[in-house]
Amino acid sequence: MSDMDLWFEDKRANGWEMPSASWWKRLPVVRHIRAVYHRVRLGHHNAFYMSIGMIPSGYDNWVIYGIAKGMERKP
């Protein structure tokens, strides 16, 4: 199974939906920069919440992968 197949399987199994984004945020260079930015922010966010005993659901990582692949919905 490819990564994209697993991504779609997670979408189906969990009922997750991608957020919408305007056209310019879905451009290839912009979406990759956004994915890196959000990956760094998520790392800090998860580090804090894991330090107080919370476990991340995986949705945020799923969304960031979707951003990098241009899977956001049109507004």
N, C-alpha and C. Protein backbone atom coordinates (compact mmCIF):
# COMPACT_ATOMS: atom_id res chain seq x y z
N MET A 1 0.84 -1.19 0.00
CA MET A 1 0.00 0.00 0.00
C MET A 1 0.87 1.25 0.00
N SER A 2 0.52 2.21 -0.80
CA SER A 2 1.28 3.46 -0.83
C SER A 2 0.85 4.37 0.33
N ASP A 3 1.64 5.41 0.56
CA ASP A 3 1.30 6.38 1.60
C ASP A 3 -0.05 7.03 1.33
N MET A 4 -0.32 7.30 0.06
CA MET A 4 -1.59 7.93 -0.30
C MET A 4 -2.76 6.99 -0.02
N ASP A 5 -2.58 5.70 -0.29
CA ASP A 5 -3.62 4.72 0.01
C ASP A 5 -3.89 4.68 1.51
N LEU A 6 -2.82 4.71 2.31
CA LEU A 6 -2.99 4.72 3.77
C LEU A 6 -3.68 6.00 4.23
N TRP A 7 -3.36 7.12 3.58
CA TRP A 7 -4.00 8.39 3.92
C TRP A 7 -5.50 8.31 3.67
N PHE A 8 -5.88 7.77 2.50
CA PHE A 8 -7.31 7.62 2.19
C PHE A 8 -7.98 6.61 3.13
N GLU A 9 -7.27 5.58 3.53
CA GLU A 9 -7.82 4.60 4.48
C GLU A 9 -8.09 5.26 5.83
N ASP A 10 -7.14 6.10 6.31
CA ASP A 10 -7.36 6.84 7.56
C ASP A 10 -8.56 7.77 7.43
N LYS A 11 -8.69 8.40 6.28
CA LYS A 11 -9.83 9.30 6.04
C LYS A 11 -11.14 8.53 6.17
N ARG A 12 -11.21 7.37 5.53
CA ARG A 12 -12.42 6.57 5.55
C ARG A 12 -12.70 6.01 6.95
N ALA A 13 -11.67 5.45 7.58
CA ALA A 13 -11.84 4.79 8.86
C ALA A 13 -12.23 5.75 9.98
N ASN A 14 -11.70 6.98 9.93
CA ASN A 14 -11.94 7.93 11.01
C ASN A 14 -12.98 8.99 10.67
N GLY A 15 -13.39 9.05 9.41
CA GLY A 15 -14.35 10.07 9.00
C GLY A 15 -13.76 11.47 8.97
N TRP A 16 -12.46 11.55 8.76
CA TRP A 16 -11.78 12.83 8.75
C TRP A 16 -12.01 13.55 7.43
N GLU A 17 -12.06 14.88 7.48
CA GLU A 17 -12.17 15.73 6.30
C GLU A 17 -11.09 16.78 6.35
N MET A 18 -10.54 17.08 5.20
CA MET A 18 -9.53 18.15 5.11
C MET A 18 -10.21 19.50 5.22
N PRO A 19 -9.53 20.46 5.86
CA PRO A 19 -10.07 21.83 5.86
C PRO A 19 -9.96 22.44 4.46
N SER A 20 -10.66 23.51 4.25
CA SER A 20 -10.58 24.18 2.95
C SER A 20 -9.46 25.22 2.97
N ALA A 21 -8.97 25.54 1.78
CA ALA A 21 -7.92 26.55 1.64
C ALA A 21 -8.11 27.25 0.30
N SER A 22 -7.79 28.54 0.27
CA SER A 22 -7.91 29.29 -0.98
C SER A 22 -6.90 28.77 -2.01
N TRP A 23 -7.13 29.14 -3.26
CA TRP A 23 -6.36 28.59 -4.37
C TRP A 23 -4.87 28.81 -4.22
N TRP A 24 -4.46 29.98 -3.75
CA TRP A 24 -3.03 30.26 -3.69
C TRP A 24 -2.33 29.44 -2.60
N LYS A 25 -3.06 29.03 -1.57
CA LYS A 25 -2.47 28.18 -0.53
C LYS A 25 -2.28 26.75 -1.01
N ARG A 26 -2.94 26.39 -2.11
CA ARG A 26 -2.81 25.04 -2.66
C ARG A 26 -1.75 24.95 -3.75
N LEU A 27 -1.09 26.06 -4.09
CA LEU A 27 -0.02 26.04 -5.08
C LEU A 27 1.14 25.18 -4.57
N PRO A 28 1.82 24.46 -5.45
CA PRO A 28 2.85 23.50 -5.02
C PRO A 28 3.91 24.05 -4.06
N VAL A 29 4.55 25.16 -4.39
CA VAL A 29 5.61 25.68 -3.51
C VAL A 29 5.02 26.17 -2.20
N VAL A 30 3.91 26.86 -2.26
CA VAL A 30 3.27 27.41 -1.06
C VAL A 30 2.82 26.29 -0.13
N ARG A 31 2.21 25.25 -0.67
CA ARG A 31 1.70 24.18 0.19
C ARG A 31 2.83 23.42 0.88
N HIS A 32 3.99 23.29 0.23
CA HIS A 32 5.11 22.61 0.87
C HIS A 32 5.70 23.47 1.99
N ILE A 33 5.77 24.77 1.78
CA ILE A 33 6.24 25.67 2.84
C ILE A 33 5.27 25.64 4.02
N ARG A 34 3.97 25.65 3.72
CA ARG A 34 2.96 25.59 4.78
C ARG A 34 3.06 24.28 5.55
N ALA A 35 3.31 23.18 4.85
CA ALA A 35 3.41 21.88 5.53
C ALA A 35 4.61 21.86 6.48
N VAL A 36 5.75 22.39 6.05
CA VAL A 36 6.93 22.44 6.92
C VAL A 36 6.65 23.33 8.13
N TYR A 37 6.07 24.49 7.89
CA TYR A 37 5.75 25.41 8.99
C TYR A 37 4.84 24.75 10.02
N HIS A 38 3.78 24.12 9.54
CA HIS A 38 2.83 23.49 10.46
C HIS A 38 3.42 22.25 11.14
N ARG A 39 4.32 21.55 10.47
CA ARG A 39 4.99 20.40 11.09
C ARG A 39 5.83 20.85 12.29
N VAL A 40 6.54 21.97 12.14
CA VAL A 40 7.35 22.50 13.25
C VAL A 40 6.44 22.94 14.39
N ARG A 41 5.38 23.67 14.05
CA ARG A 41 4.43 24.12 15.09
C ARG A 41 3.79 22.94 15.81
N LEU A 42 3.44 21.91 15.06
CA LEU A 42 2.82 20.73 15.66
C LEU A 42 3.79 20.02 16.59
N GLY A 43 5.06 20.00 16.22
CA GLY A 43 6.06 19.39 17.09
C GLY A 43 6.10 20.05 18.46
N HIS A 44 6.07 21.38 18.48
CA HIS A 44 6.07 22.12 19.75
C HIS A 44 4.77 21.87 20.51
N HIS A 45 3.67 21.89 19.80
CA HIS A 45 2.35 21.68 20.40
C HIS A 45 2.28 20.29 21.04
N ASN A 46 2.67 19.27 20.29
CA ASN A 46 2.61 17.90 20.80
C ASN A 46 3.57 17.69 21.96
N ALA A 47 4.76 18.29 21.89
CA ALA A 47 5.73 18.14 22.98
C ALA A 47 5.14 18.66 24.29
N PHE A 48 4.46 19.80 24.23
CA PHE A 48 3.85 20.35 25.44
C PHE A 48 2.76 19.44 25.97
N TYR A 49 1.83 19.06 25.11
CA TYR A 49 0.70 18.26 25.58
C TYR A 49 1.10 16.85 25.98
N MET A 50 2.11 16.29 25.34
CA MET A 50 2.58 14.97 25.75
C MET A 50 3.29 15.05 27.11
N SER A 51 3.88 16.21 27.42
CA SER A 51 4.54 16.37 28.72
C SER A 51 3.54 16.38 29.87
N ILE A 52 2.27 16.68 29.58
CA ILE A 52 1.25 16.65 30.63
C ILE A 52 0.37 15.40 30.51
N GLY A 53 0.81 14.45 29.70
CA GLY A 53 0.16 13.15 29.65
C GLY A 53 -0.88 12.93 28.58
N MET A 54 -1.06 13.87 27.67
CA MET A 54 -2.05 13.68 26.61
C MET A 54 -1.41 12.99 25.41
N ILE A 55 -2.21 12.23 24.69
CA ILE A 55 -1.74 11.50 23.52
C ILE A 55 -2.38 12.08 22.27
N PRO A 56 -1.58 12.47 21.26
CA PRO A 56 -2.16 13.04 20.04
C PRO A 56 -2.99 12.01 19.27
N SER A 57 -4.03 12.50 18.58
CA SER A 57 -4.93 11.60 17.86
C SER A 57 -4.40 11.18 16.50
N GLY A 58 -3.50 11.96 15.92
CA GLY A 58 -3.00 11.66 14.59
C GLY A 58 -3.67 12.50 13.51
N TYR A 59 -4.76 13.17 13.86
CA TYR A 59 -5.47 13.99 12.87
C TYR A 59 -4.58 15.11 12.35
N ASP A 60 -3.84 15.75 13.23
CA ASP A 60 -2.99 16.87 12.81
C ASP A 60 -1.93 16.41 11.80
N ASN A 61 -1.30 15.27 12.06
CA ASN A 61 -0.32 14.73 11.12
C ASN A 61 -0.99 14.38 9.79
N TRP A 62 -2.20 13.86 9.86
CA TRP A 62 -2.96 13.51 8.67
C TRP A 62 -3.24 14.76 7.83
N VAL A 63 -3.62 15.85 8.49
CA VAL A 63 -3.91 17.11 7.78
C VAL A 63 -2.63 17.67 7.15
N ILE A 64 -1.53 17.64 7.88
CA ILE A 64 -0.28 18.18 7.34
C ILE A 64 0.16 17.38 6.11
N TYR A 65 0.01 16.07 6.14
CA TYR A 65 0.33 15.26 4.96
C TYR A 65 -0.58 15.67 3.80
N GLY A 66 -1.86 15.88 4.10
CA GLY A 66 -2.80 16.30 3.07
C GLY A 66 -2.46 17.67 2.49
N ILE A 67 -1.98 18.57 3.34
CA ILE A 67 -1.56 19.89 2.85
C ILE A 67 -0.40 19.73 1.88
N ALA A 68 0.59 18.92 2.25
CA ALA A 68 1.76 18.72 1.39
C ALA A 68 1.39 18.11 0.05
N LYS A 69 0.34 17.29 0.02
CA LYS A 69 -0.08 16.63 -1.21
C LYS A 69 -1.16 17.42 -1.96
N GLY A 70 -1.57 18.57 -1.44
CA GLY A 70 -2.55 19.40 -2.12
C GLY A 70 -3.98 18.86 -2.03
N MET A 71 -4.31 18.22 -0.95
CA MET A 71 -5.62 17.58 -0.79
C MET A 71 -6.66 18.46 -0.10
N GLU A 72 -6.34 19.72 0.18
CA GLU A 72 -7.31 20.58 0.83
C GLU A 72 -8.50 20.85 -0.09
N ARG A 73 -9.65 21.04 0.54
CA ARG A 73 -10.86 21.32 -0.23
C ARG A 73 -10.89 22.76 -0.70
N LYS A 74 -11.61 23.00 -1.77
CA LYS A 74 -11.81 24.37 -2.25
C LYS A 74 -12.88 25.03 -1.39
N PRO A 75 -12.69 26.31 -1.05
CA PRO A 75 -13.72 26.99 -0.22
C PRO A 75 -15.04 27.14 -0.92
